């Protein structure tokens, strides 16, 4: 096989590999319960991410008794559960 044929073969293989990768996406399956996240004080930041999926993904989340609490001034709080992009 000459060099030109090798380059074309690699380009075609790369094209198909990229298509398969783009279609795969991500999957998330999470089953959680009794989670407590607490924070107290000033100028704090709190985040909780459960079962998030990207790249055309699928998310299946079962969540029970999830508590996120905070006390104090100028705090930030964020919770993401089962987001799929």
PDB file of N, CA and C in Angstrom:
ATOM      1  N   UNK A   1       0.854  -1.169   0.000  1.00  0.00           N
ATOM      2  CA  UNK A   1       0.000   0.000   0.000  1.00  0.00           C
ATOM      3  C   UNK A   1       0.903   1.236   0.000  1.00  0.00           C
ATOM      4  N   UNK A   2       0.653   2.148  -0.936  1.00  0.00           N
ATOM      5  CA  UNK A   2       1.500   3.340  -1.003  1.00  0.00           C
ATOM      6  C   UNK A   2       1.070   4.369   0.048  1.00  0.00           C
ATOM      7  N   UNK A   3       1.865   5.411   0.182  1.00  0.00           N
ATOM      8  CA  UNK A   3       1.639   6.412   1.229  1.00  0.00           C
ATOM      9  C   UNK A   3       0.290   7.115   1.066  1.00  0.00           C
ATOM     10  N   UNK A   4      -0.102   7.429  -0.158  1.00  0.00           N
ATOM     11  CA  UNK A   4      -1.370   8.113  -0.394  1.00  0.00           C
ATOM     12  C   UNK A   4      -2.545   7.233   0.059  1.00  0.00           C
ATOM     13  N   UNK A   5      -2.487   5.956  -0.228  1.00  0.00           N
ATOM     14  CA  UNK A   5      -3.554   5.040   0.186  1.00  0.00           C
ATOM     15  C   UNK A   5      -3.625   4.931   1.706  1.00  0.00           C
ATOM     16  N   UNK A   6      -2.463   4.935   2.368  1.00  0.00           N
ATOM     17  CA  UNK A   6      -2.437   4.864   3.828  1.00  0.00           C
ATOM     18  C   UNK A   6      -3.074   6.107   4.452  1.00  0.00           C
ATOM     19  N   UNK A   7      -2.776   7.269   3.903  1.00  0.00           N
ATOM     20  CA  UNK A   7      -3.325   8.521   4.428  1.00  0.00           C
ATOM     21  C   UNK A   7      -4.840   8.528   4.273  1.00  0.00           C
ATOM     22  N   UNK A   8      -5.343   8.079   3.106  1.00  0.00           N
ATOM     23  CA  UNK A   8      -6.784   8.034   2.875  1.00  0.00           C
ATOM     24  C   UNK A   8      -7.440   7.036   3.830  1.00  0.00           C
ATOM     25  N   UNK A   9      -6.822   5.880   4.037  1.00  0.00           N
ATOM     26  CA  UNK A   9      -7.377   4.872   4.939  1.00  0.00           C
ATOM     27  C   UNK A   9      -7.455   5.392   6.371  1.00  0.00           C
ATOM     28  N   UNK A  10      -6.419   6.078   6.819  1.00  0.00           N
ATOM     29  CA  UNK A  10      -6.420   6.640   8.179  1.00  0.00           C
ATOM     30  C   UNK A  10      -7.491   7.722   8.307  1.00  0.00           C
ATOM     31  N   UNK A  11      -7.651   8.560   7.288  1.00  0.00           N
ATOM     32  CA  UNK A  11      -8.658   9.623   7.324  1.00  0.00           C
ATOM     33  C   UNK A  11     -10.060   9.036   7.402  1.00  0.00           C
ATOM     34  N   UNK A  12     -10.330   7.983   6.644  1.00  0.00           N
ATOM     35  CA  UNK A  12     -11.654   7.346   6.666  1.00  0.00           C
ATOM     36  C   UNK A  12     -11.907   6.690   8.024  1.00  0.00           C
ATOM     37  N   UNK A  13     -10.907   6.001   8.566  1.00  0.00           N
ATOM     38  CA  UNK A  13     -11.052   5.364   9.871  1.00  0.00           C
ATOM     39  C   UNK A  13     -11.320   6.402  10.960  1.00  0.00           C
ATOM     40  N   UNK A  14     -10.621   7.527  10.886  1.00  0.00           N
ATOM     41  CA  UNK A  14     -10.811   8.602  11.856  1.00  0.00           C
ATOM     42  C   UNK A  14     -12.218   9.186  11.756  1.00  0.00           C
ATOM     43  N   UNK A  15     -12.714   9.343  10.549  1.00  0.00           N
ATOM     44  CA  UNK A  15     -14.056   9.879  10.333  1.00  0.00           C
ATOM     45  C   UNK A  15     -15.104   8.978  10.977  1.00  0.00           C
ATOM     46  N   UNK A  16     -15.014   7.672  10.742  1.00  0.00           N
ATOM     47  CA  UNK A  16     -15.974   6.749  11.325  1.00  0.00           C
ATOM     48  C   UNK A  16     -15.834   6.670  12.840  1.00  0.00           C
ATOM     49  N   UNK A  17     -14.639   6.701  13.353  1.00  0.00           N
ATOM     50  CA  UNK A  17     -14.425   6.655  14.810  1.00  0.00           C
ATOM     51  C   UNK A  17     -15.026   7.890  15.458  1.00  0.00           C
ATOM     52  N   UNK A  18     -14.861   9.056  14.834  1.00  0.00           N
ATOM     53  CA  UNK A  18     -15.426  10.294  15.372  1.00  0.00           C
ATOM     54  C   UNK A  18     -16.938  10.266  15.387  1.00  0.00           C
ATOM     55  N   UNK A  19     -17.562   9.696  14.364  1.00  0.00           N
ATOM     56  CA  UNK A  19     -19.019   9.602  14.325  1.00  0.00           C
ATOM     57  C   UNK A  19     -19.542   8.684  15.418  1.00  0.00           C
ATOM     58  N   UNK A  20     -18.882   7.573  15.625  1.00  0.00           N
ATOM     59  CA  UNK A  20     -19.316   6.638  16.659  1.00  0.00           C
ATOM     60  C   UNK A  20     -19.184   7.275  18.036  1.00  0.00           C
ATOM     61  N   UNK A  21     -18.106   8.020  18.254  1.00  0.00           N
ATOM     62  CA  UNK A  21     -17.888   8.667  19.543  1.00  0.00           C
ATOM     63  C   UNK A  21     -18.935   9.737  19.790  1.00  0.00           C
ATOM     64  N   UNK A  22     -19.270  10.518  18.781  1.00  0.00           N
ATOM     65  CA  UNK A  22     -20.220  11.609  18.948  1.00  0.00           C
ATOM     66  C   UNK A  22     -21.619  11.090  19.267  1.00  0.00           C
ATOM     67  N   UNK A  23     -21.963   9.916  18.787  1.00  0.00           N
ATOM     68  CA  UNK A  23     -23.289   9.381  19.019  1.00  0.00           C
ATOM     69  C   UNK A  23     -23.418   8.686  20.369  1.00  0.00           C
ATOM     70  N   UNK A  24     -22.312   8.321  20.971  1.00  0.00           N
ATOM     71  CA  UNK A  24     -22.377   7.519  22.181  1.00  0.00           C
ATOM     72  C   UNK A  24     -22.952   8.281  23.370  1.00  0.00           C
ATOM     73  N   UNK A  25     -22.612   9.561  23.546  1.00  0.00           N
ATOM     74  CA  UNK A  25     -23.107  10.329  24.682  1.00  0.00           C
ATOM     75  C   UNK A  25     -22.638   9.731  26.003  1.00  0.00           C
ATOM     76  N   UNK A  26     -23.231  10.181  27.070  1.00  0.00           N
ATOM     77  CA  UNK A  26     -22.899   9.623  28.374  1.00  0.00           C
ATOM     78  C   UNK A  26     -24.177   9.179  29.059  1.00  0.00           C
ATOM     79  N   UNK A  27     -24.050   8.220  29.928  1.00  0.00           N
ATOM     80  CA  UNK A  27     -25.195   7.723  30.673  1.00  0.00           C
ATOM     81  C   UNK A  27     -24.917   7.823  32.161  1.00  0.00           C
ATOM     82  N   UNK A  28     -25.965   8.075  32.903  1.00  0.00           N
ATOM     83  CA  UNK A  28     -25.835   8.159  34.344  1.00  0.00           C
ATOM     84  C   UNK A  28     -27.030   7.465  34.977  1.00  0.00           C
ATOM     85  N   UNK A  29     -26.769   6.516  35.860  1.00  0.00           N
ATOM     86  CA  UNK A  29     -27.831   5.862  36.642  1.00  0.00           C
ATOM     87  C   UNK A  29     -27.419   5.938  38.102  1.00  0.00           C
ATOM     88  N   UNK A  30     -28.209   6.667  38.882  1.00  0.00           N
ATOM     89  CA  UNK A  30     -27.871   6.911  40.283  1.00  0.00           C
ATOM     90  C   UNK A  30     -29.085   6.596  41.154  1.00  0.00           C
ATOM     91  N   UNK A  31     -28.847   5.882  42.226  1.00  0.00           N
ATOM     92  CA  UNK A  31     -29.878   5.589  43.222  1.00  0.00           C
ATOM     93  C   UNK A  31     -29.293   5.989  44.580  1.00  0.00           C
ATOM     94  N   UNK A  32     -29.790   7.099  45.147  1.00  0.00           N
ATOM     95  CA  UNK A  32     -29.236   7.606  46.403  1.00  0.00           C
ATOM     96  C   UNK A  32     -30.361   7.898  47.392  1.00  0.00           C
ATOM     97  N   UNK A  33     -29.992   7.904  48.672  1.00  0.00           N
ATOM     98  CA  UNK A  33     -30.952   8.246  49.707  1.00  0.00           C
ATOM     99  C   UNK A  33     -30.240   8.707  50.963  1.00  0.00           C
ATOM    100  N   UNK A  34     -30.953   9.490  51.747  1.00  0.00           N
ATOM    101  CA  UNK A  34     -30.453   9.984  53.029  1.00  0.00           C
ATOM    102  C   UNK A  34     -29.123  10.722  52.912  1.00  0.00           C
ATOM    103  N   UNK A  35     -29.079  11.712  52.045  1.00  0.00           N
ATOM    104  CA  UNK A  35     -27.882  12.542  51.894  1.00  0.00           C
ATOM    105  C   UNK A  35     -28.133  13.878  52.583  1.00  0.00           C
ATOM    106  N   UNK A  36     -27.217  14.269  53.431  1.00  0.00           N
ATOM    107  CA  UNK A  36     -27.280  15.558  54.114  1.00  0.00           C
ATOM    108  C   UNK A  36     -26.017  16.347  53.817  1.00  0.00           C
ATOM    109  N   UNK A  37     -26.190  17.568  53.355  1.00  0.00           N
ATOM    110  CA  UNK A  37     -25.062  18.456  53.109  1.00  0.00           C
ATOM    111  C   UNK A  37     -25.365  19.760  53.839  1.00  0.00           C
ATOM    112  N   UNK A  38     -24.523  20.138  54.794  1.00  0.00           N
ATOM    113  CA  UNK A  38     -24.776  21.341  55.581  1.00  0.00           C
ATOM    114  C   UNK A  38     -23.548  22.235  55.594  1.00  0.00           C
ATOM    115  N   UNK A  39     -23.807  23.494  55.833  1.00  0.00           N
ATOM    116  CA  UNK A  39     -22.714  24.458  55.912  1.00  0.00           C
ATOM    117  C   UNK A  39     -23.168  25.632  56.761  1.00  0.00           C
ATOM    118  N   UNK A  40     -22.249  26.178  57.508  1.00  0.00           N
ATOM    119  CA  UNK A  40     -22.553  27.341  58.334  1.00  0.00           C
ATOM    120  C   UNK A  40     -21.375  28.308  58.268  1.00  0.00           C
ATOM    121  N   UNK A  41     -21.672  29.577  58.325  1.00  0.00           N
ATOM    122  CA  UNK A  41     -20.621  30.585  58.290  1.00  0.00           C
ATOM    123  C   UNK A  41     -20.923  31.648  57.260  1.00  0.00           C
ATOM    124  N   UNK A  42     -19.929  32.437  56.955  1.00  0.00           N
ATOM    125  CA  UNK A  42     -20.079  33.554  56.031  1.00  0.00           C
ATOM    126  C   UNK A  42     -19.333  33.286  54.727  1.00  0.00           C
ATOM    127  N   UNK A  43     -19.860  33.831  53.637  1.00  0.00           N
ATOM    128  CA  UNK A  43     -19.202  33.818  52.324  1.00  0.00           C
ATOM    129  C   UNK A  43     -18.826  32.413  51.852  1.00  0.00           C
ATOM    130  N   UNK A  44     -19.699  31.454  52.044  1.00  0.00           N
ATOM    131  CA  UNK A  44     -19.442  30.085  51.616  1.00  0.00           C
ATOM    132  C   UNK A  44     -20.157  29.772  50.305  1.00  0.00           C
ATOM    133  N   UNK A  45     -19.709  28.727  49.666  1.00  0.00           N
ATOM    134  CA  UNK A  45     -20.339  28.249  48.437  1.00  0.00           C
ATOM    135  C   UNK A  45     -20.557  26.751  48.584  1.00  0.00           C
ATOM    136  N   UNK A  46     -21.743  26.293  48.238  1.00  0.00           N
ATOM    137  CA  UNK A  46     -22.074  24.882  48.386  1.00  0.00           C
ATOM    138  C   UNK A  46     -22.736  24.392  47.104  1.00  0.00           C
ATOM    139  N   UNK A  47     -22.301  23.242  46.597  1.00  0.00           N
ATOM    140  CA  UNK A  47     -22.876  22.658  45.389  1.00  0.00           C
ATOM    141  C   UNK A  47     -23.095  21.168  45.602  1.00  0.00           C
ATOM    142  N   UNK A  48     -24.126  20.648  44.942  1.00  0.00           N
ATOM    143  CA  UNK A  48     -24.367  19.210  44.940  1.00  0.00           C
ATOM    144  C   UNK A  48     -24.775  18.823  43.516  1.00  0.00           C
ATOM    145  N   UNK A  49     -24.062  17.886  42.934  1.00  0.00           N
ATOM    146  CA  UNK A  49     -24.356  17.380  41.593  1.00  0.00           C
ATOM    147  C   UNK A  49     -24.556  15.876  41.677  1.00  0.00           C
ATOM    148  N   UNK A  50     -25.713  15.410  41.245  1.00  0.00           N
ATOM    149  CA  UNK A  50     -26.018  13.983  41.276  1.00  0.00           C
ATOM    150  C   UNK A  50     -26.528  13.528  39.910  1.00  0.00           C
ATOM    151  N   UNK A  51     -25.876  12.571  39.310  1.00  0.00           N
ATOM    152  CA  UNK A  51     -26.385  11.919  38.112  1.00  0.00           C
ATOM    153  C   UNK A  51     -26.528  12.791  36.891  1.00  0.00           C
ATOM    154  N   UNK A  52     -25.629  13.715  36.670  1.00  0.00           N
ATOM    155  CA  UNK A  52     -25.698  14.563  35.489  1.00  0.00           C
ATOM    156  C   UNK A  52     -24.989  13.892  34.317  1.00  0.00           C
ATOM    157  N   UNK A  53     -25.518  14.069  33.104  1.00  0.00           N
ATOM    158  CA  UNK A  53     -24.942  13.466  31.898  1.00  0.00           C
ATOM    159  C   UNK A  53     -24.767  14.544  30.836  1.00  0.00           C
ATOM    160  N   UNK A  54     -23.740  14.407  30.015  1.00  0.00           N
ATOM    161  CA  UNK A  54     -23.445  15.388  28.964  1.00  0.00           C
ATOM    162  C   UNK A  54     -23.341  14.701  27.612  1.00  0.00           C
ATOM    163  N   UNK A  55     -23.172  15.501  26.581  1.00  0.00           N
ATOM    164  CA  UNK A  55     -22.949  15.025  25.212  1.00  0.00           C
ATOM    165  C   UNK A  55     -24.105  14.155  24.728  1.00  0.00           C
ATOM    166  N   UNK A  56     -25.322  14.667  24.823  1.00  0.00           N
ATOM    167  CA  UNK A  56     -26.477  13.908  24.375  1.00  0.00           C
ATOM    168  C   UNK A  56     -26.778  12.740  25.281  1.00  0.00           C
ATOM    169  N   UNK A  57     -26.444  12.878  26.540  1.00  0.00           N
ATOM    170  CA  UNK A  57     -26.532  11.771  27.478  1.00  0.00           C
ATOM    171  C   UNK A  57     -27.923  11.508  28.007  1.00  0.00           C
ATOM    172  N   UNK A  58     -28.010  10.457  28.788  1.00  0.00           N
ATOM    173  CA  UNK A  58     -29.249  10.028  29.418  1.00  0.00           C
ATOM    174  C   UNK A  58     -28.999   9.907  30.917  1.00  0.00           C
ATOM    175  N   UNK A  59     -29.936  10.395  31.703  1.00  0.00           N
ATOM    176  CA  UNK A  59     -29.787  10.365  33.143  1.00  0.00           C
ATOM    177  C   UNK A  59     -31.004   9.709  33.780  1.00  0.00           C
ATOM    178  N   UNK A  60     -30.767   8.759  34.661  1.00  0.00           N
ATOM    179  CA  UNK A  60     -31.823   8.068  35.391  1.00  0.00           C
ATOM    180  C   UNK A  60     -31.471   8.158  36.878  1.00  0.00           C
ATOM    181  N   UNK A  61     -32.190   9.005  37.628  1.00  0.00           N
ATOM    182  CA  UNK A  61     -31.860   9.264  39.022  1.00  0.00           C
ATOM    183  C   UNK A  61     -33.055   8.950  39.912  1.00  0.00           C
ATOM    184  N   UNK A  62     -32.813   8.190  40.956  1.00  0.00           N
ATOM    185  CA  UNK A  62     -33.784   7.977  42.020  1.00  0.00           C
ATOM    186  C   UNK A  62     -33.164   8.558  43.281  1.00  0.00           C
ATOM    187  N   UNK A  63     -33.771   9.624  43.795  1.00  0.00           N
ATOM    188  CA  UNK A  63     -33.218  10.311  44.963  1.00  0.00           C
ATOM    189  C   UNK A  63     -34.305  10.443  46.024  1.00  0.00           C
ATOM    190  N   UNK A  64     -33.959  10.066  47.244  1.00  0.00           N
ATOM    191  CA  UNK A  64     -34.897  10.153  48.363  1.00  0.00           C
ATOM    192  C   UNK A  64     -34.201  10.827  49.547  1.00  0.00           C
ATOM    193  N   UNK A  65     -34.942  11.674  50.243  1.00  0.00           N
ATOM    194  CA  UNK A  65     -34.446  12.324  51.460  1.00  0.00           C
ATOM    195  C   UNK A  65     -33.112  13.044  51.254  1.00  0.00           C
ATOM    196  N   UNK A  66     -33.079  13.961  50.317  1.00  0.00           N
ATOM    197  CA  UNK A  66     -31.885  14.764  50.056  1.00  0.00           C
ATOM    198  C   UNK A  66     -32.076  16.114  50.742  1.00  0.00           C
ATOM    199  N   UNK A  67     -31.155  16.487  51.606  1.00  0.00           N
ATOM    200  CA  UNK A  67     -31.222  17.764  52.322  1.00  0.00           C
ATOM    201  C   UNK A  67     -29.947  18.556  52.076  1.00  0.00           C
ATOM    202  N   UNK A  68     -30.139  19.812  51.735  1.00  0.00           N
ATOM    203  CA  UNK A  68     -29.008  20.716  51.560  1.00  0.00           C
ATOM    204  C   UNK A  68     -29.360  21.977  52.333  1.00  0.00           C
ATOM    205  N   UNK A  69     -28.639  22.247  53.404  1.00  0.00           N
ATOM    206  CA  UNK A  69     -28.947  23.402  54.247  1.00  0.00           C
ATOM    207  C   UNK A  69     -27.704  24.252  54.457  1.00  0.00           C
ATOM    208  N   UNK A  70     -27.950  25.521  54.700  1.00  0.00           N
ATOM    209  CA  UNK A  70     -26.839  26.406  55.029  1.00  0.00           C
ATOM    210  C   UNK A  70     -27.338  27.534  55.901  1.00  0.00           C
ATOM    211  N   UNK A  71     -26.443  28.060  56.701  1.00  0.00           N
ATOM    212  CA  UNK A  71     -26.755  29.186  57.574  1.00  0.00           C
ATOM    213  C   UNK A  71     -25.613  30.186  57.490  1.00  0.00           C
ATOM    214  N   UNK A  72     -25.935  31.433  57.550  1.00  0.00           N
ATOM    215  CA  UNK A  72     -24.922  32.475  57.496  1.00  0.00           C
ATOM    216  C   UNK A  72     -25.289  33.526  56.479  1.00  0.00           C
ATOM    217  N   UNK A  73     -24.359  34.409  56.226  1.00  0.00           N
ATOM    218  CA  UNK A  73     -24.590  35.524  55.315  1.00  0.00           C
ATOM    219  C   UNK A  73     -23.775  35.372  54.034  1.00  0.00           C
ATOM    220  N   UNK A  74     -24.324  35.903  52.938  1.00  0.00           N
ATOM    221  CA  UNK A  74     -23.639  35.978  51.641  1.00  0.00           C
ATOM    222  C   UNK A  74     -23.149  34.612  51.143  1.00  0.00           C
ATOM    223  N   UNK A  75     -23.968  33.586  51.300  1.00  0.00           N
ATOM    224  CA  UNK A  75     -23.625  32.248  50.837  1.00  0.00           C
ATOM    225  C   UNK A  75     -24.242  31.979  49.467  1.00  0.00           C
ATOM    226  N   UNK A  76     -23.723  30.980  48.782  1.00  0.00           N
ATOM    227  CA  UNK A  76     -24.271  30.513  47.509  1.00  0.00           C
ATOM    228  C   UNK A  76     -24.575  29.040  47.653  1.00  0.00           C
ATOM    229  N   UNK A  77     -25.683  28.633  47.074  1.00  0.00           N
ATOM    230  CA  UNK A  77     -26.079  27.230  47.158  1.00  0.00           C
ATOM    231  C   UNK A  77     -26.623  26.794  45.794  1.00  0.00           C
ATOM    232  N   UNK A  78     -26.240  25.596  45.371  1.00  0.00           N
ATOM    233  CA  UNK A  78     -26.642  25.089  44.061  1.00  0.00           C
ATOM    234  C   UNK A  78     -26.819  23.577  44.152  1.00  0.00           C
ATOM    235  N   UNK A  79     -27.870  23.072  43.498  1.00  0.00           N
ATOM    236  CA  UNK A  79     -28.086  21.628  43.439  1.00  0.00           C
ATOM    237  C   UNK A  79     -28.515  21.264  42.018  1.00  0.00           C
ATOM    238  N   UNK A  80     -27.818  20.311  41.417  1.00  0.00           N
ATOM    239  CA  UNK A  80     -28.171  19.780  40.113  1.00  0.00           C
ATOM    240  C   UNK A  80     -28.423  18.285  40.279  1.00  0.00           C
ATOM    241  N   UNK A  81     -29.602  17.838  39.893  1.00  0.00           N
ATOM    242  CA  UNK A  81     -29.950  16.429  40.017  1.00  0.00           C
ATOM    243  C   UNK A  81     -30.500  15.935  38.683  1.00  0.00           C
ATOM    244  N   UNK A  82     -29.787  14.983  38.079  1.00  0.00           N
ATOM    245  CA  UNK A  82     -30.283  14.331  36.866  1.00  0.00           C
ATOM    246  C   UNK A  82     -30.370  15.194  35.633  1.00  0.00           C
ATOM    247  N   UNK A  83     -29.508  16.166  35.479  1.00  0.00           N
ATOM    248  CA  UNK A  83     -29.519  16.994  34.278  1.00  0.00           C
ATOM    249  C   UNK A  83     -28.879  16.245  33.121  1.00  0.00           C
ATOM    250  N   UNK A  84     -29.478  16.331  31.946  1.00  0.00           N
ATOM    251  CA  UNK A  84     -28.908  15.721  30.743  1.00  0.00           C
ATOM    252  C   UNK A  84     -28.773  16.800  29.682  1.00  0.00           C
ATOM    253  N   UNK A  85     -27.615  16.867  29.063  1.00  0.00           N
ATOM    254  CA  UNK A  85     -27.373  17.885  28.026  1.00  0.00           C
ATOM    255  C   UNK A  85     -27.147  17.225  26.704  1.00  0.00           C
TER     256      UNK A  85
END
